[in-house]
Amino acid sequence: MCAFGGLGSLLKQMQQVQENIKKTIEELKAAEFEGQAGGAVKVTIDGQKKVKAIKIEPSVVDPEDVEMLEDLITAAFNNAVEAADNAKLQKMQAATAGLPVPPELLGL
């Protein structure tokens, strides 16, 4: 009889973890993450890694050096993606209450 009580407790804990994961996924979808490069380019993405905004300081717009601007935008975007990935990892670890859930099951 004791084994079934432990199973019930485990199932309840797993349901709570599942609810936490769903809530965290919704929060992450709504979140925005910013990446910067050279203090001149800022890229904002949402939790699904879609670009929401790009801000460029006019001083870095040089028709003679388009490649530098492209590099700044790329770096800023990559920084924003890294910020989103780090936030997702931290929030999912918290949502799973420290249970060893493989990252691929969490969409990481």
N, C-alpha and C. Protein backbone atom coordinates (compact mmCIF):
# COMPACT_ATOMS: atom_id res chain seq x y z
N MET A 1 0.82 -1.19 0.00
CA MET A 1 0.00 0.00 0.00
C MET A 1 0.87 1.26 0.00
N CYS A 2 1.97 1.21 0.70
CA CYS A 2 2.87 2.35 0.81
C CYS A 2 3.45 2.72 -0.55
N ALA A 3 3.73 1.73 -1.39
CA ALA A 3 4.31 1.99 -2.71
C ALA A 3 3.35 2.80 -3.56
N PHE A 4 2.04 2.53 -3.45
CA PHE A 4 1.07 3.28 -4.24
C PHE A 4 0.96 4.72 -3.78
N GLY A 5 1.09 4.95 -2.49
CA GLY A 5 1.09 6.32 -1.98
C GLY A 5 2.25 7.11 -2.53
N GLY A 6 3.41 6.46 -2.61
CA GLY A 6 4.59 7.12 -3.18
C GLY A 6 4.41 7.41 -4.65
N LEU A 7 3.74 6.50 -5.36
CA LEU A 7 3.48 6.70 -6.78
C LEU A 7 2.53 7.87 -6.99
N GLY A 8 1.51 7.96 -6.15
CA GLY A 8 0.57 9.07 -6.24
C GLY A 8 1.26 10.40 -6.01
N SER A 9 2.15 10.42 -5.05
CA SER A 9 2.91 11.64 -4.74
C SER A 9 3.81 12.02 -5.91
N LEU A 10 4.43 11.00 -6.52
CA LEU A 10 5.30 11.25 -7.66
C LEU A 10 4.50 11.78 -8.85
N LEU A 11 3.33 11.20 -9.09
CA LEU A 11 2.48 11.67 -10.19
C LEU A 11 2.03 13.11 -9.95
N LYS A 12 1.70 13.43 -8.72
CA LYS A 12 1.29 14.81 -8.39
C LYS A 12 2.45 15.77 -8.63
N GLN A 13 3.66 15.35 -8.24
CA GLN A 13 4.84 16.19 -8.45
C GLN A 13 5.09 16.38 -9.95
N MET A 14 4.93 15.32 -10.74
CA MET A 14 5.15 15.42 -12.18
C MET A 14 4.12 16.34 -12.83
N GLN A 15 2.88 16.30 -12.35
CA GLN A 15 1.84 17.20 -12.87
C GLN A 15 2.20 18.65 -12.57
N GLN A 16 2.73 18.89 -11.38
CA GLN A 16 3.14 20.25 -11.02
C GLN A 16 4.28 20.72 -11.91
N VAL A 17 5.24 19.82 -12.17
CA VAL A 17 6.36 20.16 -13.05
C VAL A 17 5.84 20.47 -14.45
N GLN A 18 4.90 19.69 -14.93
CA GLN A 18 4.33 19.92 -16.26
C GLN A 18 3.64 21.28 -16.32
N GLU A 19 2.89 21.63 -15.29
CA GLU A 19 2.25 22.94 -15.23
C GLU A 19 3.29 24.06 -15.20
N ASN A 20 4.35 23.86 -14.43
CA ASN A 20 5.42 24.85 -14.37
C ASN A 20 6.07 25.05 -15.73
N ILE A 21 6.28 23.96 -16.45
CA ILE A 21 6.91 24.05 -17.77
C ILE A 21 6.00 24.81 -18.73
N LYS A 22 4.71 24.50 -18.74
CA LYS A 22 3.77 25.19 -19.62
C LYS A 22 3.76 26.69 -19.32
N LYS A 23 3.71 27.04 -18.04
CA LYS A 23 3.69 28.45 -17.64
C LYS A 23 4.98 29.14 -18.09
N THR A 24 6.10 28.47 -17.89
CA THR A 24 7.40 29.03 -18.26
C THR A 24 7.50 29.24 -19.76
N ILE A 25 7.01 28.29 -20.54
CA ILE A 25 7.04 28.42 -22.00
C ILE A 25 6.24 29.65 -22.43
N GLU A 26 5.07 29.85 -21.84
CA GLU A 26 4.25 31.02 -22.19
C GLU A 26 4.96 32.32 -21.80
N GLU A 27 5.59 32.32 -20.63
CA GLU A 27 6.33 33.52 -20.20
C GLU A 27 7.48 33.81 -21.15
N LEU A 28 8.19 32.76 -21.56
CA LEU A 28 9.32 32.96 -22.46
C LEU A 28 8.87 33.45 -23.83
N LYS A 29 7.75 32.98 -24.32
CA LYS A 29 7.24 33.44 -25.62
C LYS A 29 6.98 34.94 -25.59
N ALA A 30 6.47 35.42 -24.47
CA ALA A 30 6.12 36.84 -24.34
C ALA A 30 7.32 37.72 -24.00
N ALA A 31 8.40 37.11 -23.56
CA ALA A 31 9.58 37.89 -23.13
C ALA A 31 10.31 38.48 -24.33
N GLU A 32 11.05 39.54 -24.07
CA GLU A 32 11.91 40.15 -25.09
C GLU A 32 13.34 40.13 -24.58
N PHE A 33 14.26 39.94 -25.52
CA PHE A 33 15.67 39.86 -25.21
C PHE A 33 16.43 40.80 -26.13
N GLU A 34 17.42 41.47 -25.56
CA GLU A 34 18.17 42.46 -26.33
C GLU A 34 19.64 42.05 -26.44
N GLY A 35 20.18 42.26 -27.62
CA GLY A 35 21.60 42.06 -27.84
C GLY A 35 22.19 43.34 -28.39
N GLN A 36 23.44 43.62 -28.05
CA GLN A 36 24.10 44.84 -28.51
C GLN A 36 25.45 44.51 -29.11
N ALA A 37 25.89 45.39 -29.96
CA ALA A 37 27.22 45.25 -30.54
C ALA A 37 27.83 46.63 -30.70
N GLY A 38 28.99 46.78 -30.15
CA GLY A 38 29.72 48.03 -30.29
C GLY A 38 29.01 49.24 -29.73
N GLY A 39 27.99 49.03 -28.94
CA GLY A 39 27.21 50.14 -28.40
C GLY A 39 26.47 50.92 -29.47
N ALA A 40 26.50 50.42 -30.71
CA ALA A 40 25.91 51.16 -31.82
C ALA A 40 24.72 50.45 -32.46
N VAL A 41 24.60 49.16 -32.21
CA VAL A 41 23.50 48.39 -32.78
C VAL A 41 22.84 47.59 -31.68
N LYS A 42 21.51 47.67 -31.61
CA LYS A 42 20.74 46.89 -30.65
C LYS A 42 19.69 46.10 -31.42
N VAL A 43 19.59 44.81 -31.10
CA VAL A 43 18.57 43.96 -31.69
C VAL A 43 17.71 43.41 -30.57
N THR A 44 16.41 43.51 -30.72
CA THR A 44 15.47 42.96 -29.76
C THR A 44 14.71 41.82 -30.43
N ILE A 45 14.68 40.67 -29.74
CA ILE A 45 13.95 39.51 -30.25
C ILE A 45 12.95 39.05 -29.20
N ASP A 46 11.97 38.27 -29.64
CA ASP A 46 11.03 37.71 -28.69
C ASP A 46 11.50 36.32 -28.28
N GLY A 47 10.72 35.67 -27.45
CA GLY A 47 11.09 34.36 -26.94
C GLY A 47 11.12 33.27 -27.99
N GLN A 48 10.59 33.55 -29.17
CA GLN A 48 10.64 32.60 -30.26
C GLN A 48 11.75 32.96 -31.25
N LYS A 49 12.60 33.89 -30.83
CA LYS A 49 13.76 34.34 -31.58
C LYS A 49 13.40 35.05 -32.89
N LYS A 50 12.27 35.73 -32.88
CA LYS A 50 11.88 36.54 -34.01
C LYS A 50 12.26 37.99 -33.71
N VAL A 51 12.82 38.65 -34.68
CA VAL A 51 13.27 40.02 -34.49
C VAL A 51 12.07 40.95 -34.30
N LYS A 52 12.12 41.71 -33.21
CA LYS A 52 11.08 42.69 -32.91
C LYS A 52 11.51 44.10 -33.31
N ALA A 53 12.82 44.37 -33.14
CA ALA A 53 13.31 45.72 -33.44
C ALA A 53 14.82 45.70 -33.65
N ILE A 54 15.26 46.62 -34.48
CA ILE A 54 16.69 46.86 -34.68
C ILE A 54 16.90 48.36 -34.57
N LYS A 55 17.81 48.76 -33.71
CA LYS A 55 18.16 50.18 -33.53
C LYS A 55 19.62 50.35 -33.95
N ILE A 56 19.86 51.32 -34.80
CA ILE A 56 21.22 51.57 -35.30
C ILE A 56 21.57 53.04 -35.07
N GLU A 57 22.69 53.26 -34.43
CA GLU A 57 23.19 54.62 -34.24
C GLU A 57 23.58 55.17 -35.62
N PRO A 58 23.12 56.35 -35.98
CA PRO A 58 23.44 56.91 -37.29
C PRO A 58 24.94 57.02 -37.56
N SER A 59 25.73 57.17 -36.51
CA SER A 59 27.17 57.35 -36.70
C SER A 59 27.86 56.13 -37.29
N VAL A 60 27.24 54.94 -37.21
CA VAL A 60 27.87 53.75 -37.76
C VAL A 60 27.40 53.43 -39.18
N VAL A 61 26.53 54.26 -39.70
CA VAL A 61 26.05 54.05 -41.07
C VAL A 61 27.02 54.74 -42.02
N ASP A 62 27.86 53.95 -42.62
CA ASP A 62 28.88 54.45 -43.55
C ASP A 62 28.73 53.69 -44.87
N PRO A 63 28.27 54.37 -45.92
CA PRO A 63 28.09 53.70 -47.20
C PRO A 63 29.37 53.06 -47.73
N GLU A 64 30.51 53.53 -47.25
CA GLU A 64 31.80 52.98 -47.68
C GLU A 64 32.18 51.72 -46.91
N ASP A 65 31.45 51.45 -45.80
CA ASP A 65 31.79 50.29 -44.97
C ASP A 65 30.52 49.55 -44.52
N VAL A 66 29.77 49.08 -45.47
CA VAL A 66 28.55 48.35 -45.20
C VAL A 66 28.85 47.06 -44.45
N GLU A 67 29.97 46.46 -44.73
CA GLU A 67 30.34 45.19 -44.09
C GLU A 67 30.43 45.33 -42.57
N MET A 68 30.95 46.45 -42.08
CA MET A 68 31.04 46.66 -40.64
C MET A 68 29.64 46.70 -40.01
N LEU A 69 28.72 47.40 -40.67
CA LEU A 69 27.35 47.47 -40.16
C LEU A 69 26.70 46.09 -40.16
N GLU A 70 26.93 45.33 -41.21
CA GLU A 70 26.41 43.96 -41.27
C GLU A 70 26.96 43.11 -40.12
N ASP A 71 28.24 43.27 -39.85
CA ASP A 71 28.87 42.53 -38.76
C ASP A 71 28.29 42.92 -37.40
N LEU A 72 28.04 44.21 -37.22
CA LEU A 72 27.45 44.69 -35.96
C LEU A 72 26.05 44.14 -35.76
N ILE A 73 25.26 44.13 -36.82
CA ILE A 73 23.90 43.61 -36.73
C ILE A 73 23.93 42.11 -36.42
N THR A 74 24.81 41.40 -37.09
CA THR A 74 24.95 39.96 -36.84
C THR A 74 25.35 39.69 -35.40
N ALA A 75 26.32 40.42 -34.91
CA ALA A 75 26.79 40.23 -33.53
C ALA A 75 25.69 40.56 -32.52
N ALA A 76 24.97 41.65 -32.77
CA ALA A 76 23.88 42.03 -31.85
C ALA A 76 22.78 40.97 -31.85
N PHE A 77 22.44 40.46 -33.01
CA PHE A 77 21.42 39.41 -33.09
C PHE A 77 21.88 38.17 -32.34
N ASN A 78 23.12 37.76 -32.57
CA ASN A 78 23.65 36.57 -31.88
C ASN A 78 23.67 36.77 -30.37
N ASN A 79 23.97 37.97 -29.90
CA ASN A 79 23.94 38.26 -28.47
C ASN A 79 22.52 38.15 -27.91
N ALA A 80 21.54 38.61 -28.68
CA ALA A 80 20.15 38.51 -28.23
C ALA A 80 19.71 37.05 -28.16
N VAL A 81 20.10 36.25 -29.14
CA VAL A 81 19.76 34.83 -29.14
C VAL A 81 20.41 34.13 -27.94
N GLU A 82 21.64 34.47 -27.66
CA GLU A 82 22.33 33.88 -26.50
C GLU A 82 21.62 34.26 -25.21
N ALA A 83 21.18 35.51 -25.10
CA ALA A 83 20.44 35.94 -23.90
C ALA A 83 19.13 35.16 -23.77
N ALA A 84 18.44 34.95 -24.89
CA ALA A 84 17.18 34.19 -24.87
C ALA A 84 17.44 32.74 -24.47
N ASP A 85 18.47 32.14 -25.03
CA ASP A 85 18.80 30.74 -24.71
C ASP A 85 19.17 30.58 -23.24
N ASN A 86 19.96 31.52 -22.72
CA ASN A 86 20.35 31.45 -21.30
C ASN A 86 19.14 31.59 -20.39
N ALA A 87 18.25 32.52 -20.72
CA ALA A 87 17.05 32.72 -19.91
C ALA A 87 16.17 31.48 -19.96
N LYS A 88 16.04 30.89 -21.14
CA LYS A 88 15.22 29.69 -21.29
C LYS A 88 15.78 28.54 -20.45
N LEU A 89 17.08 28.36 -20.51
CA LEU A 89 17.71 27.29 -19.75
C LEU A 89 17.48 27.47 -18.25
N GLN A 90 17.73 28.68 -17.76
CA GLN A 90 17.57 28.95 -16.33
C GLN A 90 16.13 28.78 -15.87
N LYS A 91 15.18 29.30 -16.66
CA LYS A 91 13.78 29.21 -16.27
C LYS A 91 13.27 27.78 -16.34
N MET A 92 13.73 27.02 -17.32
CA MET A 92 13.28 25.63 -17.43
C MET A 92 13.87 24.78 -16.31
N GLN A 93 15.11 25.05 -15.93
CA GLN A 93 15.68 24.32 -14.81
C GLN A 93 14.89 24.59 -13.53
N ALA A 94 14.48 25.84 -13.37
CA ALA A 94 13.66 26.17 -12.20
C ALA A 94 12.29 25.52 -12.29
N ALA A 95 11.71 25.49 -13.49
CA ALA A 95 10.38 24.92 -13.67
C ALA A 95 10.34 23.42 -13.44
N THR A 96 11.44 22.75 -13.71
CA THR A 96 11.48 21.30 -13.54
C THR A 96 11.90 20.90 -12.13
N ALA A 97 12.04 21.87 -11.28
CA ALA A 97 12.37 21.65 -9.86
C ALA A 97 13.61 20.79 -9.68
N GLY A 98 14.57 20.99 -10.57
CA GLY A 98 15.83 20.28 -10.44
C GLY A 98 15.81 18.84 -10.93
N LEU A 99 14.67 18.40 -11.46
CA LEU A 99 14.61 17.03 -12.00
C LEU A 99 15.45 16.94 -13.26
N PRO A 100 16.12 15.84 -13.46
CA PRO A 100 17.00 15.71 -14.64
C PRO A 100 16.20 15.43 -15.92
N VAL A 101 15.64 16.50 -16.50
CA VAL A 101 14.88 16.37 -17.74
C VAL A 101 15.83 16.70 -18.88
N PRO A 102 15.94 15.81 -19.88
CA PRO A 102 16.84 16.08 -21.00
C PRO A 102 16.48 17.37 -21.73
N PRO A 103 17.46 18.19 -22.07
CA PRO A 103 17.19 19.47 -22.72
C PRO A 103 16.35 19.35 -23.99
N GLU A 104 16.51 18.26 -24.75
CA GLU A 104 15.75 18.12 -25.99
C GLU A 104 14.24 17.98 -25.72
N LEU A 105 13.87 17.50 -24.56
CA LEU A 105 12.45 17.41 -24.20
C LEU A 105 11.88 18.78 -23.84
N LEU A 106 12.73 19.70 -23.51
CA LEU A 106 12.31 21.05 -23.15
C LEU A 106 12.41 22.01 -24.33
N GLY A 107 12.87 21.51 -25.45
CA GLY A 107 13.03 22.37 -26.62
C GLY A 107 14.26 23.24 -26.55
N LEU A 108 15.27 22.81 -25.80
CA LEU A 108 16.51 23.61 -25.66
C LEU A 108 17.52 23.16 -26.67
